């Protein structure tokens, strides 16, 4: 959830909420959900624990809020990249989308976030829903929008889902489990080229 979707908060409350989310990011991504405490988050955010609880009723709610916030940041980045490429060919736009997605998700913080989501998803089903609705679903929608120029709606949607999977491919799987990927840019270049070719075939 981004600041624009919180109309009832004052500017001071928005700043405190942002500080809490920044603190939660530092704590959750370094310690993991299980070891993190609201005291740790409050200290990292520079606010009282009571202030943290005024914004988020529980540690679980705070973690869901962090996932939503970080997914929204990736979505905004991808939307900006699409706006810049809006006059390009479908091939060029898919290439740019693929690279924007890959570069966003292989940043260490987002790899740590993904691992934390996987670790807690069974216990906190809302996490998976938030991650899908604000992450995977948004990326697929961007790809489908490009593909609708050449295909009908069901085909565009199906190919968009396949496109995202091919962009990430084995390289993202390996990175997400902590495996060192040599020549990571070259790996993603091959995967993105294949993803674009398959989507437009």
C-alpha atoms as a PDB file:
ATOM      1  CA  UNK A   1       0.000   0.000   0.000  1.00  0.00           C
ATOM      2  CA  UNK A   2       1.508   3.340  -0.992  1.00  0.00           C
ATOM      3  CA  UNK A   3       1.090   6.743   0.561  1.00  0.00           C
ATOM      4  CA  UNK A   4      -1.486   7.893  -1.981  1.00  0.00           C
ATOM      5  CA  UNK A   5      -3.850   5.124  -0.790  1.00  0.00           C
ATOM      6  CA  UNK A   6      -3.751   6.434   2.800  1.00  0.00           C
ATOM      7  CA  UNK A   7      -5.777   9.672   2.548  1.00  0.00           C
ATOM      8  CA  UNK A   8      -6.677   9.787   6.259  1.00  0.00           C
ATOM      9  CA  UNK A   9      -3.072  10.100   7.439  1.00  0.00           C
ATOM     10  CA  UNK A  10      -1.531  13.463   8.216  1.00  0.00           C
ATOM     11  CA  UNK A  11       1.869  14.339   6.697  1.00  0.00           C
ATOM     12  CA  UNK A  12       3.528  13.495  10.045  1.00  0.00           C
ATOM     13  CA  UNK A  13       1.723  10.153  10.213  1.00  0.00           C
ATOM     14  CA  UNK A  14       2.768   9.380   6.641  1.00  0.00           C
ATOM     15  CA  UNK A  15       6.398  10.121   7.497  1.00  0.00           C
ATOM     16  CA  UNK A  16       6.198   7.883  10.564  1.00  0.00           C
ATOM     17  CA  UNK A  17       4.553   5.087   8.585  1.00  0.00           C
ATOM     18  CA  UNK A  18       7.281   5.368   5.949  1.00  0.00           C
ATOM     19  CA  UNK A  19       9.955   5.257   8.658  1.00  0.00           C
ATOM     20  CA  UNK A  20       8.299   2.170  10.180  1.00  0.00           C
ATOM     21  CA  UNK A  21       8.272   0.395   6.821  1.00  0.00           C
ATOM     22  CA  UNK A  22      11.928   1.316   6.274  1.00  0.00           C
ATOM     23  CA  UNK A  23      12.741  -0.025   9.724  1.00  0.00           C
ATOM     24  CA  UNK A  24      10.732  -3.184   9.062  1.00  0.00           C
ATOM     25  CA  UNK A  25      12.618  -3.704   5.813  1.00  0.00           C
ATOM     26  CA  UNK A  26      15.959  -3.461   7.620  1.00  0.00           C
ATOM     27  CA  UNK A  27      14.894  -5.813  10.407  1.00  0.00           C
ATOM     28  CA  UNK A  28      12.832  -8.419   8.558  1.00  0.00           C
ATOM     29  CA  UNK A  29      15.249  -8.790   5.670  1.00  0.00           C
ATOM     30  CA  UNK A  30      18.299  -9.127   7.927  1.00  0.00           C
ATOM     31  CA  UNK A  31      16.830 -11.237  10.754  1.00  0.00           C
ATOM     32  CA  UNK A  32      13.920 -13.011   9.084  1.00  0.00           C
ATOM     33  CA  UNK A  33      10.322 -12.823  10.246  1.00  0.00           C
ATOM     34  CA  UNK A  34      10.677 -15.297  13.096  1.00  0.00           C
ATOM     35  CA  UNK A  35      13.545 -13.554  14.891  1.00  0.00           C
ATOM     36  CA  UNK A  36      12.396  -9.985  14.255  1.00  0.00           C
ATOM     37  CA  UNK A  37      10.552  -8.144  17.021  1.00  0.00           C
ATOM     38  CA  UNK A  38       8.449  -5.003  17.070  1.00  0.00           C
ATOM     39  CA  UNK A  39      11.024  -3.533  19.468  1.00  0.00           C
ATOM     40  CA  UNK A  40      13.690  -4.068  16.789  1.00  0.00           C
ATOM     41  CA  UNK A  41      11.504  -2.384  14.178  1.00  0.00           C
ATOM     42  CA  UNK A  42      10.738   0.566  16.459  1.00  0.00           C
ATOM     43  CA  UNK A  43      14.444   1.064  17.170  1.00  0.00           C
ATOM     44  CA  UNK A  44      15.346   0.871  13.474  1.00  0.00           C
ATOM     45  CA  UNK A  45      12.544   3.316  12.613  1.00  0.00           C
ATOM     46  CA  UNK A  46      13.398   5.764  15.388  1.00  0.00           C
ATOM     47  CA  UNK A  47       9.864   5.669  16.833  1.00  0.00           C
ATOM     48  CA  UNK A  48       8.227   4.143  19.894  1.00  0.00           C
ATOM     49  CA  UNK A  49       6.804   0.635  19.855  1.00  0.00           C
ATOM     50  CA  UNK A  50       3.387   2.160  20.554  1.00  0.00           C
ATOM     51  CA  UNK A  51       3.706   4.178  17.346  1.00  0.00           C
ATOM     52  CA  UNK A  52       4.469   1.012  15.403  1.00  0.00           C
ATOM     53  CA  UNK A  53       1.353  -0.639  16.836  1.00  0.00           C
ATOM     54  CA  UNK A  54      -0.775   2.393  16.017  1.00  0.00           C
ATOM     55  CA  UNK A  55       0.051   1.858  12.339  1.00  0.00           C
ATOM     56  CA  UNK A  56       0.232  -1.947  12.288  1.00  0.00           C
ATOM     57  CA  UNK A  57      -1.735  -4.029  14.788  1.00  0.00           C
ATOM     58  CA  UNK A  58       0.691  -6.955  14.760  1.00  0.00           C
ATOM     59  CA  UNK A  59       4.038  -8.161  13.469  1.00  0.00           C
ATOM     60  CA  UNK A  60       2.172 -10.162  10.836  1.00  0.00           C
ATOM     61  CA  UNK A  61       0.268  -7.084   9.648  1.00  0.00           C
ATOM     62  CA  UNK A  62       3.532  -5.145   9.470  1.00  0.00           C
ATOM     63  CA  UNK A  63       5.159  -7.843   7.358  1.00  0.00           C
ATOM     64  CA  UNK A  64       2.183  -7.897   4.984  1.00  0.00           C
ATOM     65  CA  UNK A  65       2.424  -4.097   4.786  1.00  0.00           C
ATOM     66  CA  UNK A  66       6.125  -4.338   3.946  1.00  0.00           C
ATOM     67  CA  UNK A  67       5.481  -6.895   1.188  1.00  0.00           C
ATOM     68  CA  UNK A  68       2.757  -4.684  -0.282  1.00  0.00           C
ATOM     69  CA  UNK A  69       5.009  -1.612  -0.136  1.00  0.00           C
ATOM     70  CA  UNK A  70       8.006  -3.299  -1.776  1.00  0.00           C
ATOM     71  CA  UNK A  71       5.843  -4.835  -4.504  1.00  0.00           C
ATOM     72  CA  UNK A  72       4.341  -1.409  -5.183  1.00  0.00           C
ATOM     73  CA  UNK A  73       7.837   0.048  -5.617  1.00  0.00           C
ATOM     74  CA  UNK A  74       8.657  -2.573  -8.262  1.00  0.00           C
ATOM     75  CA  UNK A  75       5.317  -1.913  -9.964  1.00  0.00           C
ATOM     76  CA  UNK A  76       6.028   1.804 -10.125  1.00  0.00           C
ATOM     77  CA  UNK A  77       9.459   1.136 -11.593  1.00  0.00           C
ATOM     78  CA  UNK A  78       8.034  -1.136 -14.285  1.00  0.00           C
ATOM     79  CA  UNK A  79       5.264   1.345 -15.070  1.00  0.00           C
ATOM     80  CA  UNK A  80       7.860   4.083 -15.523  1.00  0.00           C
ATOM     81  CA  UNK A  81       9.889   1.879 -17.845  1.00  0.00           C
ATOM     82  CA  UNK A  82       6.775   1.139 -19.902  1.00  0.00           C
ATOM     83  CA  UNK A  83       5.913   4.826 -20.180  1.00  0.00           C
ATOM     84  CA  UNK A  84       9.384   5.529 -21.570  1.00  0.00           C
ATOM     85  CA  UNK A  85       9.020   2.755 -24.166  1.00  0.00           C
ATOM     86  CA  UNK A  86       5.370   3.380 -25.056  1.00  0.00           C
ATOM     87  CA  UNK A  87       6.196   4.429 -28.626  1.00  0.00           C
ATOM     88  CA  UNK A  88       8.429   1.439 -29.324  1.00  0.00           C
ATOM     89  CA  UNK A  89       7.686  -1.849 -31.011  1.00  0.00           C
ATOM     90  CA  UNK A  90       6.170  -4.727 -29.054  1.00  0.00           C
ATOM     91  CA  UNK A  91       9.541  -6.480 -29.203  1.00  0.00           C
ATOM     92  CA  UNK A  92      11.382  -3.462 -27.800  1.00  0.00           C
ATOM     93  CA  UNK A  93       8.816  -2.946 -25.047  1.00  0.00           C
ATOM     94  CA  UNK A  94       8.941  -6.595 -23.992  1.00  0.00           C
ATOM     95  CA  UNK A  95      12.746  -6.468 -23.937  1.00  0.00           C
ATOM     96  CA  UNK A  96      12.637  -3.391 -21.698  1.00  0.00           C
ATOM     97  CA  UNK A  97       9.983  -4.949 -19.452  1.00  0.00           C
ATOM     98  CA  UNK A  98      12.020  -8.137 -19.161  1.00  0.00           C
ATOM     99  CA  UNK A  99      15.189  -6.303 -18.189  1.00  0.00           C
ATOM    100  CA  UNK A 100      13.345  -4.017 -15.759  1.00  0.00           C
ATOM    101  CA  UNK A 101      11.779  -7.035 -14.078  1.00  0.00           C
ATOM    102  CA  UNK A 102      15.015  -9.005 -13.863  1.00  0.00           C
ATOM    103  CA  UNK A 103      17.061  -6.092 -12.546  1.00  0.00           C
ATOM    104  CA  UNK A 104      14.411  -5.272  -9.948  1.00  0.00           C
ATOM    105  CA  UNK A 105      14.042  -8.769  -8.573  1.00  0.00           C
ATOM    106  CA  UNK A 106      17.709  -9.757  -8.358  1.00  0.00           C
ATOM    107  CA  UNK A 107      18.526  -6.869  -6.015  1.00  0.00           C
ATOM    108  CA  UNK A 108      19.570  -8.515  -2.701  1.00  0.00           C
ATOM    109  CA  UNK A 109      16.695  -6.970  -0.717  1.00  0.00           C
ATOM    110  CA  UNK A 110      14.081  -8.375  -3.098  1.00  0.00           C
ATOM    111  CA  UNK A 111      15.697 -11.811  -3.082  1.00  0.00           C
ATOM    112  CA  UNK A 112      15.589 -11.719   0.728  1.00  0.00           C
ATOM    113  CA  UNK A 113      11.958 -10.611   0.616  1.00  0.00           C
ATOM    114  CA  UNK A 114      11.047 -13.504  -1.677  1.00  0.00           C
ATOM    115  CA  UNK A 115      12.752 -15.991   0.627  1.00  0.00           C
ATOM    116  CA  UNK A 116      10.928 -14.545   3.633  1.00  0.00           C
ATOM    117  CA  UNK A 117       7.577 -14.763   1.836  1.00  0.00           C
ATOM    118  CA  UNK A 118       8.156 -18.389   0.894  1.00  0.00           C
ATOM    119  CA  UNK A 119       9.175 -19.199   4.471  1.00  0.00           C
ATOM    120  CA  UNK A 120       6.022 -17.670   5.971  1.00  0.00           C
ATOM    121  CA  UNK A 121       3.403 -18.133   3.212  1.00  0.00           C
ATOM    122  CA  UNK A 122       1.903 -21.313   4.634  1.00  0.00           C
ATOM    123  CA  UNK A 123       1.431 -19.766   8.072  1.00  0.00           C
ATOM    124  CA  UNK A 124       0.313 -16.391   6.696  1.00  0.00           C
ATOM    125  CA  UNK A 125      -1.784 -17.098   3.568  1.00  0.00           C
ATOM    126  CA  UNK A 126      -2.470 -13.376   3.134  1.00  0.00           C
ATOM    127  CA  UNK A 127       1.185 -12.924   2.213  1.00  0.00           C
ATOM    128  CA  UNK A 128       0.846 -15.017  -0.914  1.00  0.00           C
ATOM    129  CA  UNK A 129      -2.268 -13.124  -1.962  1.00  0.00           C
ATOM    130  CA  UNK A 130      -0.638  -9.735  -1.419  1.00  0.00           C
ATOM    131  CA  UNK A 131       2.505 -10.818  -3.258  1.00  0.00           C
ATOM    132  CA  UNK A 132       0.502 -12.157  -6.207  1.00  0.00           C
ATOM    133  CA  UNK A 133      -1.954  -9.247  -6.452  1.00  0.00           C
ATOM    134  CA  UNK A 134       0.729  -6.545  -6.127  1.00  0.00           C
ATOM    135  CA  UNK A 135       3.583  -8.389  -7.811  1.00  0.00           C
ATOM    136  CA  UNK A 136       3.114 -11.203 -10.298  1.00  0.00           C
ATOM    137  CA  UNK A 137      -0.356 -10.098 -11.409  1.00  0.00           C
ATOM    138  CA  UNK A 138       0.828  -6.542 -12.074  1.00  0.00           C
ATOM    139  CA  UNK A 139       3.824  -7.672 -14.137  1.00  0.00           C
ATOM    140  CA  UNK A 140       1.680 -10.029 -16.191  1.00  0.00           C
ATOM    141  CA  UNK A 141      -0.795  -7.201 -16.812  1.00  0.00           C
ATOM    142  CA  UNK A 142       2.007  -5.016 -18.208  1.00  0.00           C
ATOM    143  CA  UNK A 143       3.100  -7.811 -20.553  1.00  0.00           C
ATOM    144  CA  UNK A 144      -0.481  -8.593 -21.610  1.00  0.00           C
ATOM    145  CA  UNK A 145      -1.087  -4.942 -22.469  1.00  0.00           C
ATOM    146  CA  UNK A 146       1.818  -5.056 -24.927  1.00  0.00           C
ATOM    147  CA  UNK A 147       0.754  -8.397 -26.387  1.00  0.00           C
ATOM    148  CA  UNK A 148      -2.862  -7.301 -26.979  1.00  0.00           C
ATOM    149  CA  UNK A 149      -1.599  -5.363 -29.980  1.00  0.00           C
ATOM    150  CA  UNK A 150      -1.012  -8.635 -31.791  1.00  0.00           C
ATOM    151  CA  UNK A 151      -3.184 -11.235 -30.065  1.00  0.00           C
ATOM    152  CA  UNK A 152      -6.690 -11.671 -28.699  1.00  0.00           C
ATOM    153  CA  UNK A 153      -7.276 -11.330 -24.961  1.00  0.00           C
ATOM    154  CA  UNK A 154      -6.956 -15.011 -23.886  1.00  0.00           C
ATOM    155  CA  UNK A 155      -3.804 -15.469 -25.958  1.00  0.00           C
ATOM    156  CA  UNK A 156      -2.246 -12.247 -24.671  1.00  0.00           C
ATOM    157  CA  UNK A 157      -2.926 -13.248 -21.055  1.00  0.00           C
ATOM    158  CA  UNK A 158      -1.506 -16.753 -21.530  1.00  0.00           C
ATOM    159  CA  UNK A 159       1.593 -15.525 -23.336  1.00  0.00           C
ATOM    160  CA  UNK A 160       2.149 -12.795 -20.723  1.00  0.00           C
ATOM    161  CA  UNK A 161       2.287 -15.417 -17.961  1.00  0.00           C
ATOM    162  CA  UNK A 162       4.699 -17.539 -19.993  1.00  0.00           C
ATOM    163  CA  UNK A 163       6.803 -14.464 -20.772  1.00  0.00           C
ATOM    164  CA  UNK A 164       7.321 -13.652 -17.086  1.00  0.00           C
ATOM    165  CA  UNK A 165       8.289 -17.240 -16.268  1.00  0.00           C
ATOM    166  CA  UNK A 166      10.805 -17.375 -19.119  1.00  0.00           C
ATOM    167  CA  UNK A 167      12.318 -14.007 -18.191  1.00  0.00           C
ATOM    168  CA  UNK A 168      13.067 -15.212 -14.656  1.00  0.00           C
ATOM    169  CA  UNK A 169      13.900 -18.790 -15.616  1.00  0.00           C
ATOM    170  CA  UNK A 170      16.514 -20.887 -13.847  1.00  0.00           C
ATOM    171  CA  UNK A 171      18.757 -17.896 -13.132  1.00  0.00           C
ATOM    172  CA  UNK A 172      16.211 -16.368 -10.742  1.00  0.00           C
ATOM    173  CA  UNK A 173      15.551 -19.738  -9.104  1.00  0.00           C
ATOM    174  CA  UNK A 174      19.264 -20.202  -8.496  1.00  0.00           C
ATOM    175  CA  UNK A 175      19.679 -16.694  -7.093  1.00  0.00           C
ATOM    176  CA  UNK A 176      16.643 -17.050  -4.844  1.00  0.00           C
ATOM    177  CA  UNK A 177      18.101 -20.130  -3.140  1.00  0.00           C
ATOM    178  CA  UNK A 178      21.470 -18.456  -2.658  1.00  0.00           C
ATOM    179  CA  UNK A 179      23.319 -20.087  -5.536  1.00  0.00           C
ATOM    180  CA  UNK A 180      25.990 -17.959  -7.189  1.00  0.00           C
ATOM    181  CA  UNK A 181      25.145 -17.392 -10.841  1.00  0.00           C
ATOM    182  CA  UNK A 182      28.223 -16.658 -12.969  1.00  0.00           C
ATOM    183  CA  UNK A 183      27.726 -14.181 -15.835  1.00  0.00           C
ATOM    184  CA  UNK A 184      24.279 -13.313 -14.506  1.00  0.00           C
ATOM    185  CA  UNK A 185      23.660 -10.585 -17.100  1.00  0.00           C
ATOM    186  CA  UNK A 186      24.476 -12.978 -19.933  1.00  0.00           C
ATOM    187  CA  UNK A 187      22.121 -15.578 -18.455  1.00  0.00           C
ATOM    188  CA  UNK A 188      19.286 -13.110 -18.238  1.00  0.00           C
ATOM    189  CA  UNK A 189      20.007 -11.794 -21.739  1.00  0.00           C
ATOM    190  CA  UNK A 190      19.479 -15.302 -23.122  1.00  0.00           C
ATOM    191  CA  UNK A 191      16.338 -15.843 -21.042  1.00  0.00           C
ATOM    192  CA  UNK A 192      14.843 -12.487 -22.012  1.00  0.00           C
ATOM    193  CA  UNK A 193      15.564 -13.016 -25.712  1.00  0.00           C
ATOM    194  CA  UNK A 194      13.835 -16.412 -25.523  1.00  0.00           C
ATOM    195  CA  UNK A 195      10.918 -14.935 -23.554  1.00  0.00           C
ATOM    196  CA  UNK A 196      10.343 -12.200 -26.134  1.00  0.00           C
ATOM    197  CA  UNK A 197      10.622 -14.630 -29.055  1.00  0.00           C
ATOM    198  CA  UNK A 198       8.185 -17.056 -27.454  1.00  0.00           C
ATOM    199  CA  UNK A 199       5.694 -14.311 -26.576  1.00  0.00           C
ATOM    200  CA  UNK A 200       5.603 -12.952 -30.140  1.00  0.00           C
ATOM    201  CA  UNK A 201       5.873 -16.258 -31.983  1.00  0.00           C
END
